[in-house]
C-alpha atoms as a PDB file:
ATOM      1  CA  UNK A   1      52.136 117.515  90.675  1.00  0.00           C
ATOM      2  CA  UNK A   2      49.284 118.368  92.929  1.00  0.00           C
ATOM      3  CA  UNK A   3      48.389 121.854  94.096  1.00  0.00           C
ATOM      4  CA  UNK A   4      46.269 120.682  96.989  1.00  0.00           C
ATOM      5  CA  UNK A   5      47.298 122.418 100.185  1.00  0.00           C
ATOM      6  CA  UNK A   6      49.160 125.284  98.538  1.00  0.00           C
ATOM      7  CA  UNK A   7      47.663 128.653  99.135  1.00  0.00           C
ATOM      8  CA  UNK A   8      49.890 131.203  97.476  1.00  0.00           C
ATOM      9  CA  UNK A   9      52.515 129.306  95.488  1.00  0.00           C
ATOM     10  CA  UNK A  10      52.420 129.484  91.833  1.00  0.00           C
ATOM     11  CA  UNK A  11      54.774 127.810  89.395  1.00  0.00           C
ATOM     12  CA  UNK A  12      56.946 124.739  89.908  1.00  0.00           C
ATOM     13  CA  UNK A  13      58.471 123.442  93.087  1.00  0.00           C
ATOM     14  CA  UNK A  14      62.163 122.545  92.762  1.00  0.00           C
ATOM     15  CA  UNK A  15      64.398 120.409  94.967  1.00  0.00           C
ATOM     16  CA  UNK A  16      65.350 116.819  95.624  1.00  0.00           C
ATOM     17  CA  UNK A  17      63.190 114.217  97.245  1.00  0.00           C
ATOM     18  CA  UNK A  18      64.301 112.386 100.349  1.00  0.00           C
ATOM     19  CA  UNK A  19      64.694 109.214  98.300  1.00  0.00           C
ATOM     20  CA  UNK A  20      67.059 110.894  95.815  1.00  0.00           C
ATOM     21  CA  UNK A  21      69.215 112.300  98.614  1.00  0.00           C
ATOM     22  CA  UNK A  22      69.351 108.893 100.315  1.00  0.00           C
ATOM     23  CA  UNK A  23      70.507 107.170  97.114  1.00  0.00           C
ATOM     24  CA  UNK A  24      73.277 109.744  96.555  1.00  0.00           C
ATOM     25  CA  UNK A  25      74.515 109.403 100.159  1.00  0.00           C
ATOM     26  CA  UNK A  26      74.596 105.605  99.841  1.00  0.00           C
ATOM     27  CA  UNK A  27      76.589 105.797  96.586  1.00  0.00           C
ATOM     28  CA  UNK A  28      79.136 108.218  98.104  1.00  0.00           C
ATOM     29  CA  UNK A  29      79.437 106.013 101.207  1.00  0.00           C
ATOM     30  CA  UNK A  30      80.174 102.946  99.086  1.00  0.00           C
ATOM     31  CA  UNK A  31      82.831 104.811  97.096  1.00  0.00           C
ATOM     32  CA  UNK A  32      84.541 105.921 100.306  1.00  0.00           C
ATOM     33  CA  UNK A  33      84.278 102.438 101.802  1.00  0.00           C
ATOM     34  CA  UNK A  34      86.239 100.929  98.917  1.00  0.00           C
ATOM     35  CA  UNK A  35      88.715 103.789  98.461  1.00  0.00           C
ATOM     36  CA  UNK A  36      89.997 104.101 102.067  1.00  0.00           C
ATOM     37  CA  UNK A  37      92.013 100.843 101.994  1.00  0.00           C
ATOM     38  CA  UNK A  38      93.739 102.102  98.845  1.00  0.00           C
ATOM     39  CA  UNK A  39      94.630 105.411 100.497  1.00  0.00           C
ATOM     40  CA  UNK A  40      96.021 103.780 103.643  1.00  0.00           C
ATOM     41  CA  UNK A  41      99.524 103.242 102.215  1.00  0.00           C
ATOM     42  CA  UNK A  42      99.868 106.710 100.694  1.00  0.00           C
ATOM     43  CA  UNK A  43     102.182 109.024 102.589  1.00  0.00           C
ATOM     44  CA  UNK A  44     100.591 112.457 102.854  1.00  0.00           C
ATOM     45  CA  UNK A  45     103.759 113.884 104.363  1.00  0.00           C
ATOM     46  CA  UNK A  46     106.938 113.705 102.382  1.00  0.00           C
ATOM     47  CA  UNK A  47     109.674 111.458 103.652  1.00  0.00           C
ATOM     48  CA  UNK A  48     113.150 112.893 103.908  1.00  0.00           C
ATOM     49  CA  UNK A  49     115.086 112.835 100.648  1.00  0.00           C
ATOM     50  CA  UNK A  50     118.272 110.938  99.884  1.00  0.00           C
ATOM     51  CA  UNK A  51     119.862 108.095 101.811  1.00  0.00           C
ATOM     52  CA  UNK A  52     118.216 109.125 105.078  1.00  0.00           C
ATOM     53  CA  UNK A  53     114.817 108.829 103.399  1.00  0.00           C
ATOM     54  CA  UNK A  54     115.781 105.405 102.047  1.00  0.00           C
ATOM     55  CA  UNK A  55     116.693 104.285 105.569  1.00  0.00           C
ATOM     56  CA  UNK A  56     113.420 105.642 107.006  1.00  0.00           C
ATOM     57  CA  UNK A  57     111.400 103.843 104.311  1.00  0.00           C
ATOM     58  CA  UNK A  58     113.320 100.597 104.921  1.00  0.00           C
ATOM     59  CA  UNK A  59     112.583 100.696 108.662  1.00  0.00           C
ATOM     60  CA  UNK A  60     108.887 101.408 108.070  1.00  0.00           C
ATOM     61  CA  UNK A  61     108.757  98.629 105.485  1.00  0.00           C
ATOM     62  CA  UNK A  62     110.404  96.130 107.861  1.00  0.00           C
ATOM     63  CA  UNK A  63     107.833  96.951 110.558  1.00  0.00           C
ATOM     64  CA  UNK A  64     105.002  96.386 108.080  1.00  0.00           C
ATOM     65  CA  UNK A  65     106.478  93.214 106.540  1.00  0.00           C
ATOM     66  CA  UNK A  66     107.112  91.646 109.965  1.00  0.00           C
ATOM     67  CA  UNK A  67     103.387  91.817 110.715  1.00  0.00           C
ATOM     68  CA  UNK A  68     102.171  90.876 107.225  1.00  0.00           C
ATOM     69  CA  UNK A  69     104.521  87.896 106.782  1.00  0.00           C
ATOM     70  CA  UNK A  70     104.346  86.937 110.491  1.00  0.00           C
ATOM     71  CA  UNK A  71     108.133  86.757 110.657  1.00  0.00           C
ATOM     72  CA  UNK A  72     110.758  88.480 112.829  1.00  0.00           C
ATOM     73  CA  UNK A  73     113.154  90.677 110.844  1.00  0.00           C
ATOM     74  CA  UNK A  74     116.507  92.075 111.961  1.00  0.00           C
ATOM     75  CA  UNK A  75     118.245  95.118 110.514  1.00  0.00           C
ATOM     76  CA  UNK A  76     122.016  95.062 110.992  1.00  0.00           C
ATOM     77  CA  UNK A  77     124.157  98.203 110.871  1.00  0.00           C
ATOM     78  CA  UNK A  78     127.955  98.074 110.757  1.00  0.00           C
ATOM     79  CA  UNK A  79     129.381 101.502 111.561  1.00  0.00           C
ATOM     80  CA  UNK A  80     132.930 100.444 110.757  1.00  0.00           C
ATOM     81  CA  UNK A  81     132.278  99.460 107.159  1.00  0.00           C
ATOM     82  CA  UNK A  82     129.179 101.644 106.686  1.00  0.00           C
ATOM     83  CA  UNK A  83     127.022  98.712 105.606  1.00  0.00           C
ATOM     84  CA  UNK A  84     123.470  97.570 106.256  1.00  0.00           C
ATOM     85  CA  UNK A  85     121.762  94.199 105.754  1.00  0.00           C
ATOM     86  CA  UNK A  86     118.526  92.494 106.750  1.00  0.00           C
ATOM     87  CA  UNK A  87     117.959  88.983 108.075  1.00  0.00           C
ATOM     88  CA  UNK A  88     114.919  87.116 109.338  1.00  0.00           C
ATOM     89  CA  UNK A  89     114.218  84.341 111.796  1.00  0.00           C
ATOM     90  CA  UNK A  90     113.939  81.649 109.118  1.00  0.00           C
ATOM     91  CA  UNK A  91     117.516  82.085 107.841  1.00  0.00           C
ATOM     92  CA  UNK A  92     120.222  79.659 108.879  1.00  0.00           C
ATOM     93  CA  UNK A  93     123.743  80.837 109.727  1.00  0.00           C
ATOM     94  CA  UNK A  94     125.060  80.322 106.187  1.00  0.00           C
ATOM     95  CA  UNK A  95     122.286  82.460 104.678  1.00  0.00           C
ATOM     96  CA  UNK A  96     122.800  85.139 107.337  1.00  0.00           C
ATOM     97  CA  UNK A  97     126.511  85.224 106.533  1.00  0.00           C
ATOM     98  CA  UNK A  98     125.688  85.527 102.832  1.00  0.00           C
ATOM     99  CA  UNK A  99     123.329  88.434 103.580  1.00  0.00           C
ATOM    100  CA  UNK A 100     126.127  90.136 105.501  1.00  0.00           C
ATOM    101  CA  UNK A 101     128.578  89.630 102.651  1.00  0.00           C
ATOM    102  CA  UNK A 102     126.054  91.072 100.174  1.00  0.00           C
ATOM    103  CA  UNK A 103     125.205  94.027 102.429  1.00  0.00           C
ATOM    104  CA  UNK A 104     124.265  97.471 101.138  1.00  0.00           C
ATOM    105  CA  UNK A 105     126.883 100.184 101.416  1.00  0.00           C
ATOM    106  CA  UNK A 106     125.580 103.413 102.928  1.00  0.00           C
ATOM    107  CA  UNK A 107     127.224 105.553 100.283  1.00  0.00           C
ATOM    108  CA  UNK A 108     127.322 109.269  99.835  1.00  0.00           C
ATOM    109  CA  UNK A 109     127.463 111.695 102.691  1.00  0.00           C
ATOM    110  CA  UNK A 110     125.583 109.415 105.120  1.00  0.00           C
ATOM    111  CA  UNK A 111     127.506 107.776 107.937  1.00  0.00           C
ATOM    112  CA  UNK A 112     126.067 105.922 110.915  1.00  0.00           C
ATOM    113  CA  UNK A 113     127.740 107.030 114.146  1.00  0.00           C
ATOM    114  CA  UNK A 114     126.075 104.522 116.450  1.00  0.00           C
ATOM    115  CA  UNK A 115     122.865 103.017 117.769  1.00  0.00           C
ATOM    116  CA  UNK A 116     121.525 103.561 121.259  1.00  0.00           C
ATOM    117  CA  UNK A 117     118.998 101.268 122.946  1.00  0.00           C
ATOM    118  CA  UNK A 118     117.314 101.649 126.355  1.00  0.00           C
ATOM    119  CA  UNK A 119     119.120  99.946 129.176  1.00  0.00           C
ATOM    120  CA  UNK A 120     122.038  99.338 126.868  1.00  0.00           C
ATOM    121  CA  UNK A 121     125.374 100.789 127.690  1.00  0.00           C
ATOM    122  CA  UNK A 122     126.897 103.221 125.270  1.00  0.00           C
ATOM    123  CA  UNK A 123     129.579 101.142 123.619  1.00  0.00           C
ATOM    124  CA  UNK A 124     131.910 101.606 120.728  1.00  0.00           C
ATOM    125  CA  UNK A 125     130.497  98.486 119.057  1.00  0.00           C
ATOM    126  CA  UNK A 126     130.745  98.388 115.297  1.00  0.00           C
ATOM    127  CA  UNK A 127     127.794  96.147 114.564  1.00  0.00           C
ATOM    128  CA  UNK A 128     124.253  96.785 115.798  1.00  0.00           C
ATOM    129  CA  UNK A 129     121.043  94.775 115.412  1.00  0.00           C
ATOM    130  CA  UNK A 130     117.496  96.169 115.574  1.00  0.00           C
ATOM    131  CA  UNK A 131     114.630  93.663 115.768  1.00  0.00           C
ATOM    132  CA  UNK A 132     111.208  94.052 114.140  1.00  0.00           C
ATOM    133  CA  UNK A 133     108.850  91.489 115.678  1.00  0.00           C
ATOM    134  CA  UNK A 134     105.944  89.678 114.051  1.00  0.00           C
ATOM    135  CA  UNK A 135     103.746  90.685 116.989  1.00  0.00           C
ATOM    136  CA  UNK A 136     103.852  94.295 115.770  1.00  0.00           C
ATOM    137  CA  UNK A 137     106.562  95.925 117.844  1.00  0.00           C
ATOM    138  CA  UNK A 138     110.224  96.661 117.360  1.00  0.00           C
ATOM    139  CA  UNK A 139     113.243  97.493 119.468  1.00  0.00           C
ATOM    140  CA  UNK A 140     113.305 101.044 120.796  1.00  0.00           C
ATOM    141  CA  UNK A 141     116.406 102.525 119.194  1.00  0.00           C
ATOM    142  CA  UNK A 142     118.070 105.803 118.349  1.00  0.00           C
ATOM    143  CA  UNK A 143     120.245 105.718 115.232  1.00  0.00           C
ATOM    144  CA  UNK A 144     122.802 108.522 115.312  1.00  0.00           C
ATOM    145  CA  UNK A 145     124.105 109.574 111.925  1.00  0.00           C
ATOM    146  CA  UNK A 146     125.650 112.398 109.966  1.00  0.00           C
ATOM    147  CA  UNK A 147     124.439 113.358 106.500  1.00  0.00           C
ATOM    148  CA  UNK A 148     125.927 116.295 104.606  1.00  0.00           C
ATOM    149  CA  UNK A 149     127.750 117.390 107.794  1.00  0.00           C
ATOM    150  CA  UNK A 150     124.431 117.558 109.672  1.00  0.00           C
ATOM    151  CA  UNK A 151     123.897 115.549 112.856  1.00  0.00           C
ATOM    152  CA  UNK A 152     120.647 113.569 112.726  1.00  0.00           C
ATOM    153  CA  UNK A 153     118.891 110.949 114.851  1.00  0.00           C
ATOM    154  CA  UNK A 154     116.324 108.406 113.702  1.00  0.00           C
ATOM    155  CA  UNK A 155     114.017 107.533 116.586  1.00  0.00           C
ATOM    156  CA  UNK A 156     112.433 104.075 116.281  1.00  0.00           C
ATOM    157  CA  UNK A 157     109.673 103.554 118.811  1.00  0.00           C
ATOM    158  CA  UNK A 158     108.368 100.046 119.580  1.00  0.00           C
ATOM    159  CA  UNK A 159     104.680 100.426 118.751  1.00  0.00           C
ATOM    160  CA  UNK A 160     104.679 103.277 116.218  1.00  0.00           C
ATOM    161  CA  UNK A 161     104.887 102.588 112.492  1.00  0.00           C
ATOM    162  CA  UNK A 162     106.428 105.957 111.629  1.00  0.00           C
ATOM    163  CA  UNK A 163     110.093 106.708 112.236  1.00  0.00           C
ATOM    164  CA  UNK A 164     110.867 110.113 113.670  1.00  0.00           C
ATOM    165  CA  UNK A 165     113.742 112.095 112.122  1.00  0.00           C
ATOM    166  CA  UNK A 166     115.315 114.561 114.546  1.00  0.00           C
ATOM    167  CA  UNK A 167     117.635 117.394 113.525  1.00  0.00           C
ATOM    168  CA  UNK A 168     120.215 116.689 116.203  1.00  0.00           C
ATOM    169  CA  UNK A 169     121.703 113.812 118.168  1.00  0.00           C
ATOM    170  CA  UNK A 170     119.567 112.989 121.176  1.00  0.00           C
ATOM    171  CA  UNK A 171     119.916 110.373 123.905  1.00  0.00           C
ATOM    172  CA  UNK A 172     117.364 108.385 125.872  1.00  0.00           C
ATOM    173  CA  UNK A 173     117.555 110.837 128.759  1.00  0.00           C
ATOM    174  CA  UNK A 174     116.171 113.445 126.311  1.00  0.00           C
ATOM    175  CA  UNK A 175     113.248 111.167 125.356  1.00  0.00           C
ATOM    176  CA  UNK A 176     111.869 110.802 128.866  1.00  0.00           C
END
């Protein structure tokens, strides 16, 4: 350590050199670069609990799988029997029928009241189909349901990956 150019300082000079700081910043940058892809699939906000949460996670998973597997998926809801099943574009009619016969029962206090789509008429249909396309979008749909005597709506928007859970039944006129 040289004392040339110092007039009044005595003792040691402490601190980090520019090279040391640069190396530390590069190491931290590399750690962040490799950790962000791992953090992408972590949900920082809690999903709703129970069967509603299961349905929300299924819809989000179908949107993601449609893009990753480059395949159209269809979620079917039967309000009469309270069942749900999933098909894709590669299934033939026999496999689709088998999927329907092996459908999941929406048990507990969850019941689907109906599904509303834009431009669609409000019908008393029992069976609804919501498409999740390989191009990254889905049908715009409102799923009306009741869980534990509470009226809820799941809002599925075409280009958003997250499903919105609303504390009441809404209609498309309310979304505009």
